[in-house]
């Protein structure tokens, strides 16, 4: 299988690298301290690069990027330790709005004029994504949602509801109660209670919703590959500089063996992502989210292992917020559990197999 990038894909990856620049931990901390933990001005810069439009279908004014195109973007963002919530507040709401047929919202999201959060998780149901307690009636939605990533900044909240429905709720709507809290990667999420809140209701067929889940799982895996690459590169540089017993610790054979194993795991994870992204989900639409779940579980295990090795080889300072590897590992821990942890995803994959 040919994994070489074409000219356009290479250009996209290089453009993202220039946009992100070197990892700046101080700037990262400063942005996390702002309201909502992120800058809307920067989100518009992300949109201007075309990274949001890439996730939108051409029929709705987007660029119609392939899964390979999107996976390369996700990996580049991970490698640059991007603070931008491109996956959870960009791709996910755009794909859901497109699946529900709301072309107007897709256009607003793709240009960065609106910022959306997706409320899909319900309290006490862990990784199950089928909405049960949240229900719609006429032009209202009622229920409770948790782990709504990016909700403190959102203009729009897209709420999945029973009966294959998607409710579009304005942040200023009466009857919406939000409790914000920080999550492990430094971003913010919310619990959202909807008390017969006015909303615009759309049909969201289960097959289309599952397709979106498969897409997000694949891209979460791709971002974890980029994060793992950064953790590996930083560790390789560190062990070449850190002196112990008069020699660089990278010259010790025990560490060399562990680094070789990390390198092999990283390359296997990258191959898994590209192989999955190259599949055509429409040929086996029902099993696509399960196939993607298998890839995500495989990559999540590899990325977590590389991250833990990176922290261990850096010693005590590997756990601090002053090093990029700490931030990268925390982002891996969040993505590893988005739409299912490794055990949940492996069970899902087993059903497909």
Protein backbone atom coordinates (compact mmCIF):
# COMPACT_ATOMS: atom_id res chain seq x y z
CA UNK A 1 0.00 0.00 0.00
CA UNK A 2 1.40 3.42 -1.00
CA UNK A 3 1.56 5.80 1.95
CA UNK A 4 3.45 8.56 0.12
CA UNK A 5 1.85 12.03 0.25
CA UNK A 6 0.93 13.91 -2.89
CA UNK A 7 2.01 17.52 -3.43
CA UNK A 8 -1.21 19.02 -2.07
CA UNK A 9 -1.14 16.90 1.08
CA UNK A 10 2.49 17.76 1.74
CA UNK A 11 1.71 21.46 1.25
CA UNK A 12 -1.19 21.24 3.73
CA UNK A 13 0.97 19.58 6.35
CA UNK A 14 3.78 22.13 5.89
CA UNK A 15 1.29 25.02 6.11
CA UNK A 16 -0.06 23.73 9.41
CA UNK A 17 3.47 23.36 10.73
CA UNK A 18 4.23 27.00 9.89
CA UNK A 19 0.96 28.16 11.44
CA UNK A 20 1.63 26.35 14.71
CA UNK A 21 5.35 27.15 14.88
CA UNK A 22 7.52 25.82 17.73
CA UNK A 23 5.65 24.64 20.83
CA UNK A 24 5.34 27.61 23.19
CA UNK A 25 4.38 26.35 26.64
CA UNK A 26 4.15 29.86 28.15
CA UNK A 27 1.71 31.00 25.44
CA UNK A 28 -0.25 27.80 25.94
CA UNK A 29 -0.63 28.48 29.66
CA UNK A 30 -1.63 32.08 28.97
CA UNK A 31 -4.40 31.05 26.55
CA UNK A 32 -5.74 28.42 28.95
CA UNK A 33 -6.13 31.14 31.58
CA UNK A 34 -8.43 33.20 29.35
CA UNK A 35 -12.20 32.85 29.50
CA UNK A 36 -13.16 29.51 27.99
CA UNK A 37 -9.50 28.52 27.70
CA UNK A 38 -9.25 29.45 24.04
CA UNK A 39 -9.26 32.43 21.66
CA UNK A 40 -12.05 33.00 19.15
CA UNK A 41 -9.68 35.15 17.09
CA UNK A 42 -7.35 32.17 16.72
CA UNK A 43 -10.33 30.00 15.72
CA UNK A 44 -10.98 32.37 12.83
CA UNK A 45 -7.33 31.95 11.81
CA UNK A 46 -7.87 28.18 11.77
CA UNK A 47 -10.91 28.71 9.54
CA UNK A 48 -8.94 31.03 7.24
CA UNK A 49 -6.44 28.21 6.64
CA UNK A 50 -9.33 26.12 5.30
CA UNK A 51 -9.00 23.48 8.01
CA UNK A 52 -12.69 23.70 8.94
CA UNK A 53 -13.97 23.87 5.35
CA UNK A 54 -11.94 20.73 4.62
CA UNK A 55 -14.33 18.77 6.86
CA UNK A 56 -17.46 20.12 5.14
CA UNK A 57 -18.94 18.50 2.00
CA UNK A 58 -18.62 20.32 -1.30
CA UNK A 59 -22.41 20.26 -1.73
CA UNK A 60 -22.66 22.55 1.31
CA UNK A 61 -19.91 24.94 0.30
CA UNK A 62 -16.99 23.08 1.87
CA UNK A 63 -13.84 21.60 0.39
CA UNK A 64 -14.92 17.97 0.74
CA UNK A 65 -11.62 16.64 2.05
CA UNK A 66 -11.09 12.88 2.08
CA UNK A 67 -10.49 10.96 5.28
CA UNK A 68 -6.81 10.79 4.34
CA UNK A 69 -6.68 14.58 3.98
CA UNK A 70 -8.34 15.03 7.37
CA UNK A 71 -6.13 12.41 9.02
CA UNK A 72 -3.02 14.26 7.82
CA UNK A 73 -4.38 17.50 9.29
CA UNK A 74 -5.14 15.78 12.60
CA UNK A 75 -1.64 14.26 12.74
CA UNK A 76 -0.01 17.62 11.94
CA UNK A 77 -2.05 19.34 14.67
CA UNK A 78 -1.04 16.64 17.12
CA UNK A 79 2.62 16.89 16.18
CA UNK A 80 2.49 20.64 16.71
CA UNK A 81 0.71 20.17 20.04
CA UNK A 82 -2.04 22.47 18.79
CA UNK A 83 -4.25 24.03 21.42
CA UNK A 84 -7.00 24.35 18.81
CA UNK A 85 -10.08 22.09 19.37
CA UNK A 86 -10.26 21.30 15.64
CA UNK A 87 -11.62 17.79 16.14
CA UNK A 88 -14.22 18.25 18.88
CA UNK A 89 -15.46 21.75 17.96
CA UNK A 90 -14.69 21.75 14.26
CA UNK A 91 -14.97 18.39 12.53
CA UNK A 92 -17.55 16.85 14.87
CA UNK A 93 -20.22 19.59 14.71
CA UNK A 94 -19.63 20.19 10.99
CA UNK A 95 -20.08 16.50 10.21
CA UNK A 96 -23.18 16.28 12.41
CA UNK A 97 -24.77 19.38 10.89
CA UNK A 98 -24.08 17.98 7.43
CA UNK A 99 -25.57 14.60 8.37
CA UNK A 100 -28.72 16.39 9.61
CA UNK A 101 -28.94 18.43 6.41
CA UNK A 102 -28.40 21.87 7.97
CA UNK A 103 -26.37 23.40 5.16
CA UNK A 104 -26.65 26.94 6.55
CA UNK A 105 -25.02 25.93 9.83
CA UNK A 106 -22.33 23.94 8.02
CA UNK A 107 -21.38 27.12 6.13
CA UNK A 108 -21.23 29.20 9.31
CA UNK A 109 -19.12 26.60 11.11
CA UNK A 110 -16.76 26.13 8.17
CA UNK A 111 -16.00 29.86 8.01
CA UNK A 112 -15.51 30.16 11.76
CA UNK A 113 -18.33 32.68 12.21
CA UNK A 114 -20.06 30.27 14.61
CA UNK A 115 -18.44 28.06 17.25
CA UNK A 116 -20.34 24.89 18.15
CA UNK A 117 -20.19 22.26 20.85
CA UNK A 118 -21.74 18.79 20.62
CA UNK A 119 -23.72 17.29 23.52
CA UNK A 120 -23.84 13.54 22.95
CA UNK A 121 -22.92 11.92 26.28
CA UNK A 122 -25.55 11.34 28.97
CA UNK A 123 -24.81 10.96 32.70
CA UNK A 124 -24.30 7.41 33.93
CA UNK A 125 -24.00 5.86 30.46
CA UNK A 126 -20.20 6.01 30.09
CA UNK A 127 -19.35 5.48 26.42
CA UNK A 128 -22.80 4.67 25.07
CA UNK A 129 -23.73 7.30 22.48
CA UNK A 130 -27.38 6.46 21.87
CA UNK A 131 -29.54 9.22 23.36
CA UNK A 132 -32.16 7.89 25.76
CA UNK A 133 -32.86 10.50 28.45
CA UNK A 134 -32.79 13.51 26.14
CA UNK A 135 -36.03 13.97 24.20
CA UNK A 136 -37.60 16.43 21.82
CA UNK A 137 -41.18 17.61 21.53
CA UNK A 138 -42.32 20.09 18.89
CA UNK A 139 -39.64 22.77 19.00
CA UNK A 140 -38.26 21.96 22.46
CA UNK A 141 -35.61 19.65 23.87
CA UNK A 142 -35.30 18.38 27.44
CA UNK A 143 -32.68 16.25 29.15
CA UNK A 144 -29.20 16.23 30.62
CA UNK A 145 -25.83 15.96 28.89
CA UNK A 146 -22.29 15.74 30.20
CA UNK A 147 -18.77 16.06 28.80
CA UNK A 148 -19.79 18.77 26.33
CA UNK A 149 -16.36 19.84 25.11
CA UNK A 150 -15.95 23.52 24.30
CA UNK A 151 -19.40 24.46 25.61
CA UNK A 152 -18.18 27.56 27.54
CA UNK A 153 -17.24 29.22 24.23
CA UNK A 154 -20.03 27.83 22.05
CA UNK A 155 -22.58 29.96 20.19
CA UNK A 156 -24.50 26.80 19.28
CA UNK A 157 -24.92 23.48 21.10
CA UNK A 158 -25.88 20.49 18.96
CA UNK A 159 -27.76 18.02 21.15
CA UNK A 160 -28.42 14.41 20.17
CA UNK A 161 -31.86 13.22 21.28
CA UNK A 162 -33.93 10.04 21.32
CA UNK A 163 -35.72 9.07 18.15
CA UNK A 164 -32.76 9.91 15.89
CA UNK A 165 -33.06 13.65 16.41
CA UNK A 166 -30.55 16.48 16.57
CA UNK A 167 -31.48 19.71 18.36
CA UNK A 168 -29.75 22.98 17.57
CA UNK A 169 -29.79 25.18 20.68
CA UNK A 170 -28.65 28.80 20.85
CA UNK A 171 -26.45 29.66 23.84
CA UNK A 172 -28.87 32.41 24.84
CA UNK A 173 -31.93 30.14 24.82
CA UNK A 174 -34.03 30.08 27.99
CA UNK A 175 -33.97 26.86 29.96
CA UNK A 176 -30.34 25.89 29.38
CA UNK A 177 -28.25 25.46 32.54
CA UNK A 178 -24.50 24.95 32.15
CA UNK A 179 -21.89 23.91 34.68
CA UNK A 180 -18.33 24.35 33.38
CA UNK A 181 -15.28 22.38 34.47
CA UNK A 182 -11.71 21.80 33.22
CA UNK A 183 -10.71 18.50 31.62
CA UNK A 184 -7.36 16.77 31.63
CA UNK A 185 -5.82 18.42 28.56
CA UNK A 186 -6.44 21.91 29.98
CA UNK A 187 -9.51 22.68 27.88
CA UNK A 188 -13.01 23.14 29.25
CA UNK A 189 -16.19 21.10 29.12
CA UNK A 190 -19.63 21.40 30.67
CA UNK A 191 -22.59 19.53 31.96
CA UNK A 192 -25.71 20.87 30.29
CA UNK A 193 -29.26 20.61 31.60
CA UNK A 194 -32.00 21.39 29.10
CA UNK A 195 -35.29 22.40 30.69
CA UNK A 196 -37.74 22.34 27.80
CA UNK A 197 -35.37 24.55 25.87
CA UNK A 198 -36.37 26.08 22.56
CA UNK A 199 -34.47 24.44 19.71
CA UNK A 200 -34.49 23.77 16.01
CA UNK A 201 -35.04 20.04 15.53
CA UNK A 202 -33.53 17.97 12.71
CA UNK A 203 -33.69 14.30 11.80
CA UNK A 204 -30.37 12.52 12.35
CA UNK A 205 -30.58 8.94 11.06
CA UNK A 206 -28.65 6.53 13.26
CA UNK A 207 -26.55 5.27 10.34
CA UNK A 208 -25.36 8.81 9.60
CA UNK A 209 -24.62 9.49 13.26
CA UNK A 210 -22.58 6.29 13.47
CA UNK A 211 -20.69 7.31 10.35
CA UNK A 212 -19.72 10.57 12.05
CA UNK A 213 -18.55 8.63 15.11
CA UNK A 214 -16.35 6.49 12.86
CA UNK A 215 -14.86 9.60 11.28
CA UNK A 216 -14.08 11.18 14.65
CA UNK A 217 -12.56 7.97 16.01
CA UNK A 218 -10.24 7.76 13.01
CA UNK A 219 -9.17 11.39 13.34
CA UNK A 220 -8.66 11.03 17.10
CA UNK A 221 -6.29 8.18 16.31
CA UNK A 222 -4.50 10.35 13.74
CA UNK A 223 -4.02 13.18 16.23
CA UNK A 224 -2.65 10.70 18.77
CA UNK A 225 -0.05 9.61 16.21
CA UNK A 226 1.11 13.22 15.88
CA UNK A 227 1.23 13.63 19.65
CA UNK A 228 3.19 10.40 20.00
CA UNK A 229 5.65 11.61 17.36
CA UNK A 230 6.30 14.78 19.36
CA UNK A 231 6.79 12.85 22.60
CA UNK A 232 9.17 10.45 20.86
CA UNK A 233 11.18 13.23 19.17
CA UNK A 234 11.52 15.21 22.40
CA UNK A 235 12.64 12.13 24.30
CA UNK A 236 15.17 11.14 21.63
CA UNK A 237 16.69 14.63 21.82
CA UNK A 238 16.71 14.59 25.62
CA UNK A 239 18.49 11.26 26.06
CA UNK A 240 21.19 12.49 23.69
CA UNK A 241 21.88 15.45 25.99
CA UNK A 242 21.26 14.14 29.52
CA UNK A 243 24.53 13.00 31.09
CA UNK A 244 24.87 10.25 33.67
CA UNK A 245 28.06 8.47 34.74
CA UNK A 246 29.98 10.62 32.28
CA UNK A 247 27.94 9.61 29.23
CA UNK A 248 24.68 10.52 27.52
CA UNK A 249 21.93 8.25 28.81
CA UNK A 250 20.95 7.60 25.20
CA UNK A 251 24.12 5.52 24.88
CA UNK A 252 22.79 3.00 27.43
CA UNK A 253 21.64 -0.13 25.66
CA UNK A 254 18.59 -0.64 27.89
CA UNK A 255 17.18 2.76 26.90
CA UNK A 256 18.06 2.19 23.25
CA UNK A 257 16.00 -1.01 23.22
CA UNK A 258 13.01 0.78 24.73
CA UNK A 259 13.27 3.63 22.23
CA UNK A 260 13.43 1.19 19.32
CA UNK A 261 10.24 -0.44 20.60
CA UNK A 262 8.60 2.99 20.81
CA UNK A 263 9.69 3.80 17.25
CA UNK A 264 8.24 0.53 15.97
CA UNK A 265 4.96 1.16 17.82
CA UNK A 266 4.80 4.68 16.38
CA UNK A 267 5.27 3.51 12.79
CA UNK A 268 2.72 0.72 13.23
CA UNK A 269 0.22 3.25 14.62
CA UNK A 270 0.76 5.62 11.68
CA UNK A 271 0.29 2.77 9.21
CA UNK A 272 -2.90 1.74 10.99
CA UNK A 273 -4.35 5.25 10.73
CA UNK A 274 -3.53 5.62 7.04
CA UNK A 275 -4.81 2.15 6.22
CA UNK A 276 -8.09 2.91 8.00
CA UNK A 277 -8.42 6.37 6.44
CA UNK A 278 -7.95 4.88 2.96
CA UNK A 279 -10.97 2.63 3.38
CA UNK A 280 -14.22 3.68 1.73
CA UNK A 281 -16.77 3.81 4.58
CA UNK A 282 -19.68 3.79 2.14
CA UNK A 283 -18.87 0.21 1.10
CA UNK A 284 -19.49 -1.04 4.65
CA UNK A 285 -21.26 1.84 6.33
CA UNK A 286 -22.68 -0.19 9.22
CA UNK A 287 -19.27 -1.45 10.32
CA UNK A 288 -17.28 1.73 9.66
CA UNK A 289 -17.48 3.07 13.25
CA UNK A 290 -16.43 -0.36 14.55
CA UNK A 291 -13.51 -0.63 12.14
CA UNK A 292 -12.45 2.86 13.20
CA UNK A 293 -12.84 1.80 16.85
CA UNK A 294 -10.31 -0.99 16.33
CA UNK A 295 -7.81 1.45 14.84
CA UNK A 296 -8.36 3.94 17.66
CA UNK A 297 -7.82 1.27 20.33
CA UNK A 298 -4.58 0.12 18.64
CA UNK A 299 -3.24 3.65 18.29
CA UNK A 300 -4.36 4.68 21.78
CA UNK A 301 -2.41 1.84 23.34
CA UNK A 302 0.71 2.73 21.34
CA UNK A 303 0.50 6.46 22.05
CA UNK A 304 -0.06 5.95 25.78
CA UNK A 305 2.92 3.60 25.95
CA UNK A 306 5.18 6.07 24.14
CA UNK A 307 3.96 8.86 26.41
CA UNK A 308 4.66 6.93 29.59
CA UNK A 309 8.12 5.97 28.35
CA UNK A 310 8.79 9.62 27.49
CA UNK A 311 7.78 10.77 30.95
CA UNK A 312 9.84 8.05 32.64
CA UNK A 313 12.99 8.79 30.61
CA UNK A 314 12.71 12.48 31.45
CA UNK A 315 12.59 11.64 35.14
CA UNK A 316 10.60 13.72 37.63
CA UNK A 317 10.34 16.76 35.37
CA UNK A 318 8.54 14.64 32.78
CA UNK A 319 5.38 15.03 34.84
CA UNK A 320 5.48 18.82 34.98
CA UNK A 321 3.49 21.30 32.88
CA UNK A 322 6.73 22.96 31.78
CA UNK A 323 7.48 20.24 29.21
CA UNK A 324 5.57 19.56 26.01
CA UNK A 325 5.45 15.82 26.67
CA UNK A 326 3.24 16.36 29.72
CA UNK A 327 0.71 18.33 27.69
CA UNK A 328 0.87 15.81 24.84
CA UNK A 329 0.28 12.84 27.13
CA UNK A 330 -2.73 14.52 28.73
CA UNK A 331 -4.24 15.18 25.30
CA UNK A 332 -3.66 11.52 24.41
CA UNK A 333 -5.49 10.49 27.57
CA UNK A 334 -8.52 12.59 26.52
CA UNK A 335 -8.58 11.39 22.90
CA UNK A 336 -8.09 7.79 23.97
CA UNK A 337 -11.47 7.96 25.71
CA UNK A 338 -13.38 10.08 23.20
CA UNK A 339 -16.24 7.92 21.86
CA UNK A 340 -14.95 4.97 23.86
CA UNK A 341 -11.82 3.86 25.71
CA UNK A 342 -9.65 0.98 24.48
CA UNK A 343 -11.77 -1.78 26.03
CA UNK A 344 -15.02 -0.30 24.70
CA UNK A 345 -13.56 0.19 21.22
CA UNK A 346 -12.11 -3.33 21.11
CA UNK A 347 -15.49 -4.81 22.01
CA UNK A 348 -17.04 -2.75 19.25
CA UNK A 349 -14.39 -3.93 16.79
CA UNK A 350 -14.94 -7.54 17.81
CA UNK A 351 -18.60 -7.23 16.88
CA UNK A 352 -17.60 -5.99 13.43
CA UNK A 353 -15.10 -8.83 13.01
